[in-house]
């Protein structure tokens, strides 16, 4: 089972590196114009604050990549 998780983690890390190159950093004061979510990264199985990315399309049809902070989902 753990052997299957490694390729998935590698794929997510490559996606994160590609997304992070042109990503806008989200700030809570921002107003986001999200018409359609194209893609978002899964929240990792860690217990710490991590940066993740979402790709979305605004109402003018332009795509944006947004970097934002989330708490990992492995906190018990």
C-alpha atoms as a PDB file:
ATOM      1  CA  UNK A   1       0.000   0.000   0.000  1.00  0.00           C
ATOM      2  CA  UNK A   2       2.810   2.419   0.869  1.00  0.00           C
ATOM      3  CA  UNK A   3       4.445   1.680  -2.476  1.00  0.00           C
ATOM      4  CA  UNK A   4       1.335   2.955  -4.242  1.00  0.00           C
ATOM      5  CA  UNK A   5       1.355   6.177  -2.253  1.00  0.00           C
ATOM      6  CA  UNK A   6       4.855   7.164  -3.378  1.00  0.00           C
ATOM      7  CA  UNK A   7       3.984   7.698  -7.079  1.00  0.00           C
ATOM      8  CA  UNK A   8       0.931   9.713  -6.049  1.00  0.00           C
ATOM      9  CA  UNK A   9       3.036  11.913  -3.759  1.00  0.00           C
ATOM     10  CA  UNK A  10       5.619  12.438  -6.484  1.00  0.00           C
ATOM     11  CA  UNK A  11       2.900  13.432  -8.923  1.00  0.00           C
ATOM     12  CA  UNK A  12       1.474  15.916  -6.419  1.00  0.00           C
ATOM     13  CA  UNK A  13       4.897  17.416  -5.768  1.00  0.00           C
ATOM     14  CA  UNK A  14       5.523  17.898  -9.507  1.00  0.00           C
ATOM     15  CA  UNK A  15       2.104  19.542  -9.842  1.00  0.00           C
ATOM     16  CA  UNK A  16       2.883  21.787  -6.884  1.00  0.00           C
ATOM     17  CA  UNK A  17       6.190  22.862  -8.378  1.00  0.00           C
ATOM     18  CA  UNK A  18       4.545  23.633 -11.708  1.00  0.00           C
ATOM     19  CA  UNK A  19       1.661  25.472 -10.065  1.00  0.00           C
ATOM     20  CA  UNK A  20       3.864  27.395  -7.677  1.00  0.00           C
ATOM     21  CA  UNK A  21       5.860  29.108 -10.416  1.00  0.00           C
ATOM     22  CA  UNK A  22       3.109  31.547 -11.422  1.00  0.00           C
ATOM     23  CA  UNK A  23       0.919  31.391  -8.345  1.00  0.00           C
ATOM     24  CA  UNK A  24      -0.645  34.415  -6.702  1.00  0.00           C
ATOM     25  CA  UNK A  25      -0.403  34.249  -2.911  1.00  0.00           C
ATOM     26  CA  UNK A  26      -3.838  34.457  -1.325  1.00  0.00           C
ATOM     27  CA  UNK A  27      -4.519  37.055   1.352  1.00  0.00           C
ATOM     28  CA  UNK A  28      -7.743  37.069   3.383  1.00  0.00           C
ATOM     29  CA  UNK A  29      -8.460  40.643   2.305  1.00  0.00           C
ATOM     30  CA  UNK A  30      -8.604  39.662  -1.387  1.00  0.00           C
ATOM     31  CA  UNK A  31     -11.861  39.403  -3.298  1.00  0.00           C
ATOM     32  CA  UNK A  32     -11.624  36.410  -5.625  1.00  0.00           C
ATOM     33  CA  UNK A  33     -13.588  36.243  -8.873  1.00  0.00           C
ATOM     34  CA  UNK A  34     -13.961  32.460  -9.223  1.00  0.00           C
ATOM     35  CA  UNK A  35     -16.303  31.296 -11.951  1.00  0.00           C
ATOM     36  CA  UNK A  36     -14.977  27.735 -12.175  1.00  0.00           C
ATOM     37  CA  UNK A  37     -12.440  25.680 -10.221  1.00  0.00           C
ATOM     38  CA  UNK A  38     -10.192  23.835 -12.666  1.00  0.00           C
ATOM     39  CA  UNK A  39      -7.915  21.946 -10.283  1.00  0.00           C
ATOM     40  CA  UNK A  40      -6.854  21.901  -6.648  1.00  0.00           C
ATOM     41  CA  UNK A  41      -4.238  19.950  -4.786  1.00  0.00           C
ATOM     42  CA  UNK A  42      -5.208  17.479  -2.113  1.00  0.00           C
ATOM     43  CA  UNK A  43      -4.467  18.437   1.479  1.00  0.00           C
ATOM     44  CA  UNK A  44      -1.464  16.353   2.578  1.00  0.00           C
ATOM     45  CA  UNK A  45      -1.545  13.829   5.435  1.00  0.00           C
ATOM     46  CA  UNK A  46       0.589  15.908   7.796  1.00  0.00           C
ATOM     47  CA  UNK A  47      -0.126  17.841  10.968  1.00  0.00           C
ATOM     48  CA  UNK A  48       1.280  21.236  10.069  1.00  0.00           C
ATOM     49  CA  UNK A  49       0.517  24.322   8.038  1.00  0.00           C
ATOM     50  CA  UNK A  50       1.282  23.732   4.348  1.00  0.00           C
ATOM     51  CA  UNK A  51       0.966  25.683   1.119  1.00  0.00           C
ATOM     52  CA  UNK A  52      -1.331  24.234  -1.509  1.00  0.00           C
ATOM     53  CA  UNK A  53      -2.558  25.479  -4.889  1.00  0.00           C
ATOM     54  CA  UNK A  54      -5.821  25.932  -6.731  1.00  0.00           C
ATOM     55  CA  UNK A  55      -6.261  26.705 -10.418  1.00  0.00           C
ATOM     56  CA  UNK A  56      -9.429  28.566 -11.280  1.00  0.00           C
ATOM     57  CA  UNK A  57     -11.054  30.510 -14.090  1.00  0.00           C
ATOM     58  CA  UNK A  58     -12.539  33.954 -13.503  1.00  0.00           C
ATOM     59  CA  UNK A  59     -15.693  35.363 -15.128  1.00  0.00           C
ATOM     60  CA  UNK A  60     -13.619  36.835 -17.970  1.00  0.00           C
ATOM     61  CA  UNK A  61     -12.268  33.379 -18.822  1.00  0.00           C
ATOM     62  CA  UNK A  62      -8.728  33.988 -17.532  1.00  0.00           C
ATOM     63  CA  UNK A  63      -6.991  31.244 -15.555  1.00  0.00           C
ATOM     64  CA  UNK A  64      -5.292  31.932 -12.252  1.00  0.00           C
ATOM     65  CA  UNK A  65      -3.195  29.808  -9.903  1.00  0.00           C
ATOM     66  CA  UNK A  66      -3.658  30.636  -6.249  1.00  0.00           C
ATOM     67  CA  UNK A  67      -1.284  29.591  -3.460  1.00  0.00           C
ATOM     68  CA  UNK A  68      -2.869  29.402  -0.019  1.00  0.00           C
ATOM     69  CA  UNK A  69      -2.206  27.951   3.425  1.00  0.00           C
ATOM     70  CA  UNK A  70      -4.107  24.979   4.866  1.00  0.00           C
ATOM     71  CA  UNK A  71      -3.688  22.792   7.913  1.00  0.00           C
ATOM     72  CA  UNK A  72      -2.766  19.223   7.034  1.00  0.00           C
ATOM     73  CA  UNK A  73      -5.426  16.598   7.614  1.00  0.00           C
ATOM     74  CA  UNK A  74      -3.455  14.239   9.845  1.00  0.00           C
ATOM     75  CA  UNK A  75      -3.924  15.988  13.199  1.00  0.00           C
ATOM     76  CA  UNK A  76      -5.559  13.806  15.831  1.00  0.00           C
END
